[in-house]
Amino acid sequence: MIHFGIMLVTVLLAMYLSGWFALGNAMDYLQVLGIFLMVGVALWLLFYLIFGELQPRFSFKQVSS
């Protein structure tokens, strides 16, 4: 939760202030928030699969060999 809060304050704010997104109404702000959340979920899933599933399997094979 601490990491999410820090990312929310820094990265989301940077996304809003960067000028990369047109922010004309409330829906535009919600779309940027959605992009932020979707990228966060995708990265979390990717790193979970790498370090939670794949890396332990490969390290177990090396130790048992």
C-alpha atoms as a PDB file:
ATOM      1  CA  MET A   1       0.000   0.000   0.000  1.00  0.00           C
ATOM      2  CA  ILE A   2       2.896   2.331   0.744  1.00  0.00           C
ATOM      3  CA  HIS A   3       4.418   1.670  -2.676  1.00  0.00           C
ATOM      4  CA  PHE A   4       1.071   2.254  -4.400  1.00  0.00           C
ATOM      5  CA  GLY A   5       0.603   5.537  -2.534  1.00  0.00           C
ATOM      6  CA  ILE A   6       4.060   6.777  -3.481  1.00  0.00           C
ATOM      7  CA  MET A   7       3.517   5.791  -7.116  1.00  0.00           C
ATOM      8  CA  LEU A   8       0.136   7.496  -7.091  1.00  0.00           C
ATOM      9  CA  VAL A   9       1.605  10.762  -5.843  1.00  0.00           C
ATOM     10  CA  THR A  10       4.701  10.745  -8.052  1.00  0.00           C
ATOM     11  CA  VAL A  11       4.000   8.863 -11.283  1.00  0.00           C
ATOM     12  CA  LEU A  12       0.318   9.708 -11.685  1.00  0.00           C
ATOM     13  CA  LEU A  13       1.014  13.359 -10.943  1.00  0.00           C
ATOM     14  CA  ALA A  14       3.856  13.307 -13.472  1.00  0.00           C
ATOM     15  CA  MET A  15       1.503  11.778 -16.025  1.00  0.00           C
ATOM     16  CA  TYR A  16      -1.004  14.572 -15.445  1.00  0.00           C
ATOM     17  CA  LEU A  17       1.611  17.331 -15.617  1.00  0.00           C
ATOM     18  CA  SER A  18       3.707  15.920 -18.478  1.00  0.00           C
ATOM     19  CA  GLY A  19       1.557  17.246 -21.284  1.00  0.00           C
ATOM     20  CA  TRP A  20       1.483  13.842 -22.988  1.00  0.00           C
ATOM     21  CA  PHE A  21      -2.262  13.537 -22.450  1.00  0.00           C
ATOM     22  CA  ALA A  22      -5.056  15.923 -23.415  1.00  0.00           C
ATOM     23  CA  LEU A  23      -6.830  16.807 -20.167  1.00  0.00           C
ATOM     24  CA  GLY A  24      -9.887  18.773 -21.189  1.00  0.00           C
ATOM     25  CA  ASN A  25     -12.526  17.228 -18.941  1.00  0.00           C
ATOM     26  CA  ALA A  26     -13.014  14.765 -16.083  1.00  0.00           C
ATOM     27  CA  MET A  27     -13.201  11.770 -18.435  1.00  0.00           C
ATOM     28  CA  ASP A  28      -9.683  12.516 -19.705  1.00  0.00           C
ATOM     29  CA  TYR A  29      -8.372  12.425 -16.133  1.00  0.00           C
ATOM     30  CA  LEU A  30     -10.131   9.098 -15.557  1.00  0.00           C
ATOM     31  CA  GLN A  31      -8.610   7.677 -18.741  1.00  0.00           C
ATOM     32  CA  VAL A  32      -5.115   8.617 -17.552  1.00  0.00           C
ATOM     33  CA  LEU A  33      -5.893   7.004 -14.191  1.00  0.00           C
ATOM     34  CA  GLY A  34      -7.041   3.879 -16.050  1.00  0.00           C
ATOM     35  CA  ILE A  35      -3.807   3.766 -18.061  1.00  0.00           C
ATOM     36  CA  PHE A  36      -1.844   4.136 -14.815  1.00  0.00           C
ATOM     37  CA  LEU A  37      -3.746   1.261 -13.192  1.00  0.00           C
ATOM     38  CA  MET A  38      -3.620  -1.049 -16.225  1.00  0.00           C
ATOM     39  CA  VAL A  39       0.130  -0.593 -16.678  1.00  0.00           C
ATOM     40  CA  GLY A  40       0.615  -1.165 -12.945  1.00  0.00           C
ATOM     41  CA  VAL A  41      -1.372  -4.407 -13.024  1.00  0.00           C
ATOM     42  CA  ALA A  42       0.427  -5.605 -16.163  1.00  0.00           C
ATOM     43  CA  LEU A  43       3.863  -4.906 -14.662  1.00  0.00           C
ATOM     44  CA  TRP A  44       2.894  -6.522 -11.350  1.00  0.00           C
ATOM     45  CA  LEU A  45       1.706  -9.645 -13.177  1.00  0.00           C
ATOM     46  CA  LEU A  46       4.829  -9.783 -15.350  1.00  0.00           C
ATOM     47  CA  PHE A  47       7.189  -9.500 -12.388  1.00  0.00           C
ATOM     48  CA  TYR A  48       5.136 -11.954 -10.339  1.00  0.00           C
ATOM     49  CA  LEU A  49       5.424 -14.523 -13.117  1.00  0.00           C
ATOM     50  CA  ILE A  50       9.165 -13.928 -13.481  1.00  0.00           C
ATOM     51  CA  PHE A  51      10.185 -13.797  -9.823  1.00  0.00           C
ATOM     52  CA  GLY A  52       7.347 -15.763  -8.215  1.00  0.00           C
ATOM     53  CA  GLU A  53       7.000 -18.627 -10.664  1.00  0.00           C
ATOM     54  CA  LEU A  54       9.855 -18.894 -13.164  1.00  0.00           C
ATOM     55  CA  GLN A  55      12.876 -17.898 -11.086  1.00  0.00           C
ATOM     56  CA  PRO A  56      12.134 -20.327  -8.199  1.00  0.00           C
ATOM     57  CA  ARG A  57      11.735 -23.203 -10.686  1.00  0.00           C
ATOM     58  CA  PHE A  58      15.088 -22.498 -12.323  1.00  0.00           C
ATOM     59  CA  SER A  59      16.918 -21.938  -9.041  1.00  0.00           C
ATOM     60  CA  PHE A  60      15.519 -25.227  -7.645  1.00  0.00           C
ATOM     61  CA  LYS A  61      16.786 -27.142 -10.676  1.00  0.00           C
ATOM     62  CA  GLN A  62      20.269 -25.654 -10.287  1.00  0.00           C
ATOM     63  CA  VAL A  63      20.471 -26.481  -6.571  1.00  0.00           C
ATOM     64  CA  SER A  64      19.232 -30.060  -6.969  1.00  0.00           C
ATOM     65  CA  SER A  65      21.600 -30.841  -9.884  1.00  0.00           C
END
